[in-house]
């Protein structure tokens, strides 16, 4: 690991602030047809969204007006602004009520690592089920230092989502 310090400085620079997570109105679970608005508490943040449940990028659809949905859709939205860390992806489903589907989430902790515990997650969806998101909130005093398989760690909320595993370190 390489630590980069500012010129002439001895402290590690702080991470940029994170854009607030977008909010859907009406919330997830509403039936179609429906007109969905997407808002963000971060001033001047640009919101990008998808209608297929994939994670939006700045190449996705730019939100400018309410999104009219006539068919069942899984909407995801991410907000961006210059110099900030993008928001967490918000997720909402609109359509007929979904049937309950069983899924098994297994978490294992390997405490034999010489540097910090390693937490691994495994999701086994039941029949007709798919995993869209897994989130874990870390206990006070721990922070993620290595997140794999597309996961995201949010230092501000000490929460982790996605990915298959993360490594924890004690905060100093």
N, C-alpha and C. Protein backbone atom coordinates (compact mmCIF):
# COMPACT_ATOMS: atom_id res chain seq x y z
N UNK A 1 0.85 -1.16 0.00
CA UNK A 1 0.00 0.00 0.00
C UNK A 1 0.90 1.23 0.00
N UNK A 2 0.52 2.24 -0.77
CA UNK A 2 1.26 3.48 -0.85
C UNK A 2 0.40 4.58 -0.29
N UNK A 3 0.93 5.36 0.65
CA UNK A 3 0.20 6.49 1.21
C UNK A 3 0.72 7.75 0.54
N UNK A 4 -0.19 8.55 0.02
CA UNK A 4 0.19 9.79 -0.66
C UNK A 4 -0.13 10.94 0.28
N UNK A 5 0.88 11.75 0.57
CA UNK A 5 0.71 12.90 1.45
C UNK A 5 0.78 14.17 0.64
N UNK A 6 0.08 15.22 1.09
CA UNK A 6 0.16 16.48 0.37
C UNK A 6 1.58 17.06 0.44
N UNK A 7 1.94 17.85 -0.53
CA UNK A 7 3.26 18.45 -0.59
C UNK A 7 3.55 19.20 0.71
N UNK A 8 4.61 18.84 1.36
CA UNK A 8 5.01 19.51 2.59
C UNK A 8 4.19 19.12 3.80
N UNK A 9 3.19 18.27 3.61
CA UNK A 9 2.31 17.91 4.72
C UNK A 9 2.67 16.59 5.33
N UNK A 10 2.13 16.34 6.50
CA UNK A 10 2.39 15.08 7.18
C UNK A 10 1.11 14.33 7.47
N UNK A 11 -0.03 14.86 7.08
CA UNK A 11 -1.28 14.16 7.34
C UNK A 11 -1.90 13.67 6.04
N UNK A 12 -2.68 12.62 6.16
CA UNK A 12 -3.35 12.05 5.00
C UNK A 12 -4.56 12.93 4.68
N UNK A 13 -4.73 13.30 3.40
CA UNK A 13 -5.89 14.13 3.05
C UNK A 13 -7.19 13.37 3.30
N UNK A 14 -8.24 14.10 3.63
CA UNK A 14 -9.53 13.46 3.89
C UNK A 14 -10.23 13.15 2.57
N UNK A 15 -11.10 12.16 2.62
CA UNK A 15 -11.87 11.77 1.44
C UNK A 15 -12.86 12.87 1.10
N UNK A 16 -13.23 13.01 -0.17
CA UNK A 16 -14.22 14.02 -0.54
C UNK A 16 -15.58 13.66 0.05
N UNK A 17 -16.47 14.64 0.21
CA UNK A 17 -17.81 14.33 0.73
C UNK A 17 -18.57 13.45 -0.26
N UNK A 18 -19.60 12.79 0.24
CA UNK A 18 -20.40 11.92 -0.63
C UNK A 18 -21.75 12.55 -0.90
N UNK A 19 -22.18 12.45 -2.16
CA UNK A 19 -23.48 12.96 -2.58
C UNK A 19 -24.57 12.16 -1.86
N UNK A 20 -25.65 12.84 -1.46
CA UNK A 20 -26.77 12.17 -0.78
C UNK A 20 -27.44 11.16 -1.71
N UNK A 21 -27.97 10.10 -1.13
CA UNK A 21 -28.66 9.06 -1.90
C UNK A 21 -29.97 9.61 -2.47
N UNK A 22 -30.23 9.38 -3.75
CA UNK A 22 -31.50 9.83 -4.33
C UNK A 22 -32.71 9.20 -3.63
N UNK A 23 -33.85 9.91 -3.71
CA UNK A 23 -35.09 9.46 -3.08
C UNK A 23 -36.19 9.42 -4.13
N UNK A 24 -36.94 8.32 -4.15
CA UNK A 24 -38.04 8.16 -5.10
C UNK A 24 -39.37 8.54 -4.46
N UNK A 25 -40.24 9.21 -5.26
CA UNK A 25 -41.60 9.51 -4.82
C UNK A 25 -42.53 9.16 -5.97
N UNK A 26 -43.52 8.29 -5.76
CA UNK A 26 -43.78 7.51 -4.55
C UNK A 26 -42.68 6.48 -4.33
N UNK A 27 -42.67 5.93 -3.13
CA UNK A 27 -41.63 4.96 -2.79
C UNK A 27 -41.81 3.63 -3.49
N UNK A 28 -40.82 2.79 -3.33
CA UNK A 28 -40.82 1.46 -3.93
C UNK A 28 -42.07 0.69 -3.52
N UNK A 29 -42.58 -0.12 -4.46
CA UNK A 29 -43.72 -0.96 -4.16
C UNK A 29 -45.03 -0.45 -4.74
N UNK A 30 -45.04 0.77 -5.27
CA UNK A 30 -46.25 1.31 -5.87
C UNK A 30 -46.58 0.57 -7.15
N UNK A 31 -47.87 0.48 -7.46
CA UNK A 31 -48.31 -0.22 -8.65
C UNK A 31 -48.18 0.66 -9.87
N UNK A 32 -48.14 0.08 -11.07
CA UNK A 32 -48.11 0.83 -12.33
C UNK A 32 -49.53 0.91 -12.89
N UNK A 33 -49.87 1.92 -13.65
CA UNK A 33 -49.00 3.01 -14.09
C UNK A 33 -48.75 3.98 -12.95
N UNK A 34 -47.56 4.62 -13.00
CA UNK A 34 -47.16 5.56 -11.96
C UNK A 34 -46.18 6.57 -12.53
N UNK A 35 -46.20 7.77 -11.99
CA UNK A 35 -45.25 8.82 -12.36
C UNK A 35 -44.29 8.98 -11.18
N UNK A 36 -43.00 8.70 -11.41
CA UNK A 36 -42.00 8.67 -10.34
C UNK A 36 -41.11 9.91 -10.43
N UNK A 37 -40.96 10.61 -9.32
CA UNK A 37 -39.99 11.71 -9.26
C UNK A 37 -38.80 11.23 -8.44
N UNK A 38 -37.63 11.76 -8.78
CA UNK A 38 -36.40 11.39 -8.09
C UNK A 38 -35.75 12.68 -7.59
N UNK A 39 -35.47 12.75 -6.31
CA UNK A 39 -34.85 13.93 -5.73
C UNK A 39 -33.55 13.59 -5.03
N UNK A 40 -32.76 14.63 -4.76
CA UNK A 40 -31.49 14.46 -4.07
C UNK A 40 -31.26 15.69 -3.18
N UNK A 41 -30.85 15.45 -1.94
CA UNK A 41 -30.63 16.55 -0.99
C UNK A 41 -29.36 17.34 -1.28
N UNK A 42 -28.46 16.81 -2.11
CA UNK A 42 -27.22 17.52 -2.43
C UNK A 42 -27.50 18.54 -3.53
N UNK A 43 -27.28 19.82 -3.24
CA UNK A 43 -27.54 20.90 -4.19
C UNK A 43 -26.76 20.70 -5.48
N UNK A 44 -27.44 20.89 -6.60
CA UNK A 44 -26.86 20.82 -7.95
C UNK A 44 -26.33 19.45 -8.35
N UNK A 45 -26.73 18.40 -7.65
CA UNK A 45 -26.30 17.06 -8.05
C UNK A 45 -27.10 16.63 -9.28
N UNK A 46 -26.44 15.98 -10.22
CA UNK A 46 -27.10 15.43 -11.41
C UNK A 46 -27.47 13.98 -11.09
N UNK A 47 -28.72 13.61 -11.37
CA UNK A 47 -29.21 12.27 -11.08
C UNK A 47 -29.31 11.49 -12.38
N UNK A 48 -28.69 10.32 -12.41
CA UNK A 48 -28.78 9.42 -13.55
C UNK A 48 -29.51 8.17 -13.09
N UNK A 49 -30.32 7.58 -14.00
CA UNK A 49 -31.10 6.42 -13.60
C UNK A 49 -31.17 5.37 -14.70
N UNK A 50 -31.57 4.15 -14.29
CA UNK A 50 -31.82 3.06 -15.23
C UNK A 50 -33.18 2.47 -14.89
N UNK A 51 -33.77 1.79 -15.85
CA UNK A 51 -35.08 1.17 -15.65
C UNK A 51 -35.01 -0.35 -15.64
N UNK A 52 -33.79 -0.89 -15.70
CA UNK A 52 -33.63 -2.35 -15.72
C UNK A 52 -32.93 -2.88 -14.47
N UNK A 53 -32.74 -2.03 -13.47
CA UNK A 53 -32.10 -2.45 -12.23
C UNK A 53 -30.59 -2.39 -12.23
N UNK A 54 -29.97 -2.09 -13.39
CA UNK A 54 -28.51 -1.99 -13.42
C UNK A 54 -28.06 -0.70 -12.73
N UNK A 55 -26.82 -0.68 -12.27
CA UNK A 55 -26.30 0.49 -11.55
C UNK A 55 -26.01 1.61 -12.56
N UNK A 56 -26.59 2.79 -12.35
CA UNK A 56 -26.39 3.90 -13.29
C UNK A 56 -24.98 4.46 -13.26
N UNK A 57 -24.58 4.99 -14.41
CA UNK A 57 -23.32 5.73 -14.55
C UNK A 57 -23.68 7.07 -15.18
N UNK A 58 -22.69 7.89 -15.44
CA UNK A 58 -22.97 9.17 -16.11
C UNK A 58 -23.32 8.97 -17.58
N UNK A 59 -23.28 7.75 -18.07
CA UNK A 59 -23.74 7.44 -19.43
C UNK A 59 -25.19 6.96 -19.44
N UNK A 60 -25.81 6.84 -18.27
CA UNK A 60 -27.20 6.38 -18.17
C UNK A 60 -28.14 7.55 -18.47
N UNK A 61 -29.44 7.33 -18.28
CA UNK A 61 -30.44 8.37 -18.53
C UNK A 61 -30.31 9.48 -17.48
N UNK A 62 -30.22 10.74 -17.93
CA UNK A 62 -30.16 11.89 -17.01
C UNK A 62 -31.57 12.23 -16.59
N UNK A 63 -31.82 12.33 -15.29
CA UNK A 63 -33.14 12.66 -14.78
C UNK A 63 -33.39 14.16 -14.94
N UNK A 64 -34.49 14.51 -15.62
CA UNK A 64 -34.87 15.92 -15.77
C UNK A 64 -36.32 16.16 -15.38
N UNK A 65 -37.17 15.16 -15.58
CA UNK A 65 -38.60 15.25 -15.27
C UNK A 65 -39.07 13.91 -14.73
N UNK A 66 -40.31 13.90 -14.20
CA UNK A 66 -40.89 12.67 -13.68
C UNK A 66 -40.81 11.57 -14.73
N UNK A 67 -40.58 10.35 -14.26
CA UNK A 67 -40.48 9.18 -15.13
C UNK A 67 -41.83 8.47 -15.08
N UNK A 68 -42.49 8.37 -16.23
CA UNK A 68 -43.80 7.70 -16.32
C UNK A 68 -43.59 6.23 -16.63
N UNK A 69 -44.05 5.38 -15.73
CA UNK A 69 -43.89 3.93 -15.90
C UNK A 69 -45.26 3.30 -16.15
N UNK A 70 -45.36 2.53 -17.22
CA UNK A 70 -46.60 1.83 -17.52
C UNK A 70 -46.44 0.32 -17.33
N UNK A 71 -45.21 -0.15 -17.34
CA UNK A 71 -44.90 -1.57 -17.13
C UNK A 71 -44.05 -1.72 -15.87
N UNK A 72 -44.05 -2.93 -15.32
CA UNK A 72 -43.22 -3.20 -14.14
C UNK A 72 -41.77 -2.83 -14.43
N UNK A 73 -41.14 -2.11 -13.51
CA UNK A 73 -39.77 -1.64 -13.70
C UNK A 73 -39.03 -1.63 -12.38
N UNK A 74 -37.73 -1.91 -12.48
CA UNK A 74 -36.83 -1.74 -11.33
C UNK A 74 -35.99 -0.53 -11.65
N UNK A 75 -36.17 0.54 -10.87
CA UNK A 75 -35.49 1.81 -11.11
C UNK A 75 -34.33 1.94 -10.13
N UNK A 76 -33.17 2.29 -10.66
CA UNK A 76 -32.01 2.61 -9.82
C UNK A 76 -31.57 4.02 -10.18
N UNK A 77 -31.10 4.75 -9.19
CA UNK A 77 -30.63 6.11 -9.43
C UNK A 77 -29.37 6.37 -8.62
N UNK A 78 -28.43 7.11 -9.22
CA UNK A 78 -27.20 7.54 -8.56
C UNK A 78 -27.05 9.03 -8.85
N UNK A 79 -26.63 9.79 -7.84
CA UNK A 79 -26.42 11.23 -8.01
C UNK A 79 -24.92 11.53 -8.03
N UNK A 80 -24.55 12.48 -8.89
CA UNK A 80 -23.15 12.86 -9.07
C UNK A 80 -23.01 14.38 -8.98
N UNK A 81 -21.88 14.85 -8.49
CA UNK A 81 -21.50 16.25 -8.59
C UNK A 81 -19.98 16.32 -8.56
N UNK A 82 -19.42 17.31 -9.21
CA UNK A 82 -17.97 17.42 -9.35
C UNK A 82 -17.26 17.49 -8.00
N UNK A 83 -16.19 16.72 -7.87
CA UNK A 83 -15.36 16.75 -6.67
C UNK A 83 -15.89 15.94 -5.51
N UNK A 84 -17.04 15.31 -5.67
CA UNK A 84 -17.64 14.52 -4.59
C UNK A 84 -17.67 13.05 -4.99
N UNK A 85 -17.74 12.18 -3.99
CA UNK A 85 -17.95 10.76 -4.24
C UNK A 85 -19.41 10.57 -4.65
N UNK A 86 -19.67 9.79 -5.72
CA UNK A 86 -21.06 9.56 -6.12
C UNK A 86 -21.89 8.96 -4.99
N UNK A 87 -23.20 9.15 -5.07
CA UNK A 87 -24.09 8.61 -4.05
C UNK A 87 -24.16 7.10 -4.10
N UNK A 88 -24.76 6.55 -3.09
CA UNK A 88 -25.12 5.14 -3.09
C UNK A 88 -26.26 5.00 -4.10
N UNK A 89 -26.35 3.88 -4.78
CA UNK A 89 -27.44 3.66 -5.73
C UNK A 89 -28.74 3.39 -4.98
N UNK A 90 -29.75 4.20 -5.27
CA UNK A 90 -31.09 3.98 -4.70
C UNK A 90 -31.82 3.00 -5.62
N UNK A 91 -32.68 2.18 -5.05
CA UNK A 91 -33.36 1.14 -5.79
C UNK A 91 -34.84 1.15 -5.45
N UNK A 92 -35.70 1.05 -6.46
CA UNK A 92 -37.14 0.97 -6.23
C UNK A 92 -37.78 0.08 -7.28
N UNK A 93 -38.81 -0.67 -6.87
CA UNK A 93 -39.56 -1.52 -7.79
C UNK A 93 -40.96 -0.96 -7.92
N UNK A 94 -41.45 -0.87 -9.16
CA UNK A 94 -42.80 -0.41 -9.44
C UNK A 94 -43.48 -1.44 -10.32
N UNK A 95 -44.64 -1.89 -9.92
CA UNK A 95 -45.37 -2.90 -10.67
C UNK A 95 -46.31 -3.64 -9.76
N UNK A 96 -46.84 -4.76 -10.24
CA UNK A 96 -47.72 -5.55 -9.38
C UNK A 96 -46.95 -6.04 -8.16
N UNK A 97 -47.64 -6.28 -7.07
CA UNK A 97 -46.94 -6.75 -5.87
C UNK A 97 -46.12 -8.00 -6.18
N UNK A 98 -44.93 -8.06 -5.61
CA UNK A 98 -44.06 -9.21 -5.85
C UNK A 98 -44.38 -10.32 -4.85
N UNK A 99 -44.21 -11.52 -5.30
CA UNK A 99 -44.39 -12.67 -4.41
C UNK A 99 -43.15 -12.79 -3.53
N UNK A 100 -43.36 -13.22 -2.30
CA UNK A 100 -42.23 -13.42 -1.40
C UNK A 100 -41.37 -14.57 -1.91
N UNK A 101 -40.08 -14.35 -1.97
CA UNK A 101 -39.15 -15.39 -2.42
C UNK A 101 -38.10 -15.59 -1.33
N UNK A 102 -37.85 -16.82 -1.01
CA UNK A 102 -36.86 -17.11 0.01
C UNK A 102 -35.45 -16.96 -0.53
N UNK A 103 -34.57 -16.51 0.33
CA UNK A 103 -33.16 -16.41 0.00
C UNK A 103 -32.39 -16.66 1.29
N UNK A 104 -31.20 -17.21 1.13
CA UNK A 104 -30.35 -17.46 2.30
C UNK A 104 -29.10 -16.61 2.18
N UNK A 105 -28.83 -15.81 3.21
CA UNK A 105 -27.62 -15.00 3.26
C UNK A 105 -26.74 -15.58 4.35
N UNK A 106 -25.50 -15.91 3.98
CA UNK A 106 -24.55 -16.47 4.93
C UNK A 106 -23.39 -15.50 5.07
N UNK A 107 -23.03 -15.21 6.29
CA UNK A 107 -21.87 -14.35 6.56
C UNK A 107 -20.89 -15.16 7.37
N UNK A 108 -19.64 -15.17 6.94
CA UNK A 108 -18.61 -15.85 7.71
C UNK A 108 -17.50 -14.85 8.03
N UNK A 109 -16.89 -15.04 9.18
CA UNK A 109 -15.83 -14.16 9.62
C UNK A 109 -14.58 -14.99 9.88
N UNK A 110 -13.49 -14.64 9.20
CA UNK A 110 -12.21 -15.31 9.38
C UNK A 110 -11.34 -14.40 10.25
N UNK A 111 -11.11 -14.82 11.48
CA UNK A 111 -10.33 -13.99 12.41
C UNK A 111 -8.86 -14.40 12.45
N UNK A 112 -8.45 -15.30 11.56
CA UNK A 112 -7.06 -15.74 11.56
C UNK A 112 -6.15 -14.83 10.75
N UNK A 113 -6.71 -13.87 10.03
CA UNK A 113 -5.90 -12.94 9.26
C UNK A 113 -5.02 -12.13 10.21
N UNK A 114 -3.74 -11.95 9.88
CA UNK A 114 -2.84 -11.24 10.79
C UNK A 114 -3.14 -9.74 10.87
N UNK A 115 -3.84 -9.17 9.90
CA UNK A 115 -4.07 -7.72 9.92
C UNK A 115 -5.45 -7.33 10.42
N UNK A 116 -6.48 -8.09 10.06
CA UNK A 116 -7.85 -7.74 10.46
C UNK A 116 -8.78 -8.87 10.08
N UNK A 117 -9.97 -8.92 10.67
CA UNK A 117 -10.90 -9.97 10.28
C UNK A 117 -11.32 -9.83 8.81
N UNK A 118 -11.63 -10.93 8.16
CA UNK A 118 -12.13 -10.93 6.79
C UNK A 118 -13.56 -11.44 6.84
N UNK A 119 -14.50 -10.63 6.35
CA UNK A 119 -15.91 -10.98 6.36
C UNK A 119 -16.31 -11.34 4.93
N UNK A 120 -16.93 -12.50 4.75
CA UNK A 120 -17.38 -12.92 3.43
C UNK A 120 -18.89 -13.15 3.45
N UNK A 121 -19.56 -12.71 2.40
CA UNK A 121 -21.00 -12.88 2.28
C UNK A 121 -21.30 -13.81 1.13
N UNK A 122 -22.31 -14.63 1.28
CA UNK A 122 -22.77 -15.50 0.20
C UNK A 122 -24.29 -15.44 0.21
N UNK A 123 -24.89 -15.18 -0.94
CA UNK A 123 -26.33 -15.14 -1.08
C UNK A 123 -26.76 -16.26 -2.00
N UNK A 124 -27.72 -17.04 -1.53
CA UNK A 124 -28.28 -18.11 -2.35
C UNK A 124 -29.77 -17.81 -2.52
N UNK A 125 -30.15 -17.26 -3.70
CA UNK A 125 -31.56 -16.93 -3.92
C UNK A 125 -32.41 -18.19 -4.01
N UNK A 126 -33.65 -18.10 -3.53
CA UNK A 126 -34.60 -19.19 -3.67
C UNK A 126 -35.17 -19.21 -5.08
N UNK A 127 -36.16 -20.05 -5.31
CA UNK A 127 -36.81 -20.16 -6.62
C UNK A 127 -37.40 -18.82 -7.02
N UNK A 128 -37.17 -18.42 -8.26
CA UNK A 128 -37.68 -17.17 -8.83
C UNK A 128 -37.21 -15.92 -8.08
N UNK A 129 -36.06 -15.99 -7.45
CA UNK A 129 -35.53 -14.84 -6.71
C UNK A 129 -34.22 -14.40 -7.33
N UNK A 130 -33.92 -13.13 -7.17
CA UNK A 130 -32.64 -12.57 -7.62
C UNK A 130 -32.18 -11.57 -6.58
N UNK A 131 -30.89 -11.45 -6.41
CA UNK A 131 -30.33 -10.51 -5.45
C UNK A 131 -30.05 -9.19 -6.16
N UNK A 132 -30.62 -8.10 -5.66
CA UNK A 132 -30.33 -6.78 -6.20
C UNK A 132 -29.36 -6.02 -5.31
N UNK A 133 -29.39 -6.30 -4.01
CA UNK A 133 -28.50 -5.58 -3.11
C UNK A 133 -28.35 -6.33 -1.80
N UNK A 134 -27.16 -6.26 -1.23
CA UNK A 134 -26.89 -6.76 0.12
C UNK A 134 -26.18 -5.63 0.84
N UNK A 135 -26.61 -5.32 2.06
CA UNK A 135 -25.96 -4.23 2.80
C UNK A 135 -25.66 -4.69 4.21
N UNK A 136 -24.52 -4.30 4.72
CA UNK A 136 -24.08 -4.63 6.07
C UNK A 136 -23.58 -3.36 6.72
N UNK A 137 -24.00 -3.09 7.96
CA UNK A 137 -23.50 -1.95 8.72
C UNK A 137 -22.43 -2.45 9.67
N UNK A 138 -21.29 -1.78 9.66
CA UNK A 138 -20.16 -2.22 10.47
C UNK A 138 -20.25 -1.68 11.88
N UNK A 139 -19.78 -2.43 12.85
CA UNK A 139 -19.78 -1.97 14.23
C UNK A 139 -18.85 -0.77 14.41
N UNK A 140 -19.13 0.03 15.41
CA UNK A 140 -18.29 1.17 15.74
C UNK A 140 -16.86 0.70 15.98
N UNK A 141 -15.90 1.44 15.43
CA UNK A 141 -14.50 1.11 15.62
C UNK A 141 -13.91 0.29 14.49
N UNK A 142 -14.75 -0.16 13.55
CA UNK A 142 -14.25 -0.91 12.40
C UNK A 142 -14.50 -0.12 11.13
N UNK A 143 -13.62 -0.28 10.17
CA UNK A 143 -13.77 0.36 8.86
C UNK A 143 -13.33 -0.65 7.81
N UNK A 144 -13.92 -0.56 6.63
CA UNK A 144 -13.52 -1.46 5.54
C UNK A 144 -12.23 -0.96 4.92
N UNK A 145 -11.33 -1.89 4.62
CA UNK A 145 -10.09 -1.49 3.96
C UNK A 145 -9.93 -2.16 2.60
N UNK A 146 -10.70 -3.21 2.34
CA UNK A 146 -10.60 -3.89 1.06
C UNK A 146 -11.95 -4.50 0.75
N UNK A 147 -12.63 -3.99 -0.28
CA UNK A 147 -13.94 -4.50 -0.67
C UNK A 147 -13.79 -5.11 -2.05
N UNK A 148 -14.29 -6.33 -2.23
CA UNK A 148 -14.10 -7.02 -3.50
C UNK A 148 -15.40 -7.16 -4.27
N UNK A 149 -15.27 -7.57 -5.52
CA UNK A 149 -16.38 -7.93 -6.41
C UNK A 149 -17.43 -6.83 -6.53
N UNK A 150 -16.98 -5.60 -6.70
CA UNK A 150 -17.91 -4.51 -6.98
C UNK A 150 -18.59 -3.91 -5.77
N UNK A 151 -18.14 -4.22 -4.58
CA UNK A 151 -18.76 -3.67 -3.39
C UNK A 151 -18.38 -2.21 -3.16
N UNK A 152 -19.15 -1.53 -2.32
CA UNK A 152 -18.92 -0.12 -2.01
C UNK A 152 -18.95 0.04 -0.49
N UNK A 153 -17.97 0.74 0.07
CA UNK A 153 -17.94 1.04 1.50
C UNK A 153 -18.17 2.53 1.68
N UNK A 154 -19.11 2.89 2.53
CA UNK A 154 -19.42 4.29 2.80
C UNK A 154 -18.93 4.65 4.19
N UNK A 155 -17.83 5.38 4.25
CA UNK A 155 -17.24 5.73 5.54
C UNK A 155 -18.19 6.54 6.41
N UNK A 156 -18.99 7.44 5.80
CA UNK A 156 -19.87 8.32 6.56
C UNK A 156 -20.92 7.54 7.34
N UNK A 157 -21.39 6.41 6.80
CA UNK A 157 -22.43 5.64 7.47
C UNK A 157 -21.94 4.29 7.95
N UNK A 158 -20.67 4.02 7.80
CA UNK A 158 -20.04 2.73 8.11
C UNK A 158 -20.88 1.58 7.58
N UNK A 159 -21.37 1.72 6.34
CA UNK A 159 -22.13 0.63 5.74
C UNK A 159 -21.45 0.17 4.47
N UNK A 160 -21.71 -1.06 4.12
CA UNK A 160 -21.09 -1.71 2.98
C UNK A 160 -22.20 -2.31 2.15
N UNK A 161 -22.08 -2.26 0.83
CA UNK A 161 -23.07 -2.92 0.00
C UNK A 161 -22.40 -3.56 -1.21
N UNK A 162 -23.02 -4.60 -1.71
CA UNK A 162 -22.51 -5.30 -2.88
C UNK A 162 -21.31 -6.13 -2.55
N UNK A 163 -20.57 -6.53 -3.56
CA UNK A 163 -19.35 -7.29 -3.36
C UNK A 163 -19.57 -8.61 -2.66
N UNK A 164 -18.55 -9.43 -2.60
CA UNK A 164 -18.66 -10.72 -1.94
C UNK A 164 -17.94 -10.75 -0.61
N UNK A 165 -16.99 -9.87 -0.41
CA UNK A 165 -16.27 -9.87 0.87
C UNK A 165 -15.69 -8.50 1.14
N UNK A 166 -15.36 -8.26 2.39
CA UNK A 166 -14.66 -7.05 2.75
C UNK A 166 -13.73 -7.36 3.90
N UNK A 167 -12.65 -6.61 3.99
CA UNK A 167 -11.69 -6.76 5.06
C UNK A 167 -11.89 -5.61 6.01
N UNK A 168 -11.86 -5.89 7.32
CA UNK A 168 -12.09 -4.85 8.32
C UNK A 168 -10.79 -4.47 8.99
N UNK A 169 -10.68 -3.20 9.36
CA UNK A 169 -9.54 -2.74 10.14
C UNK A 169 -10.05 -1.90 11.30
N UNK A 170 -9.32 -1.93 12.38
CA UNK A 170 -9.69 -1.10 13.55
C UNK A 170 -9.31 0.34 13.26
N UNK A 171 -10.23 1.26 13.56
CA UNK A 171 -9.92 2.69 13.39
C UNK A 171 -9.03 3.12 14.51
N UNK A 172 -8.17 4.08 14.18
CA UNK A 172 -7.25 4.59 15.21
C UNK A 172 -7.66 5.96 15.62
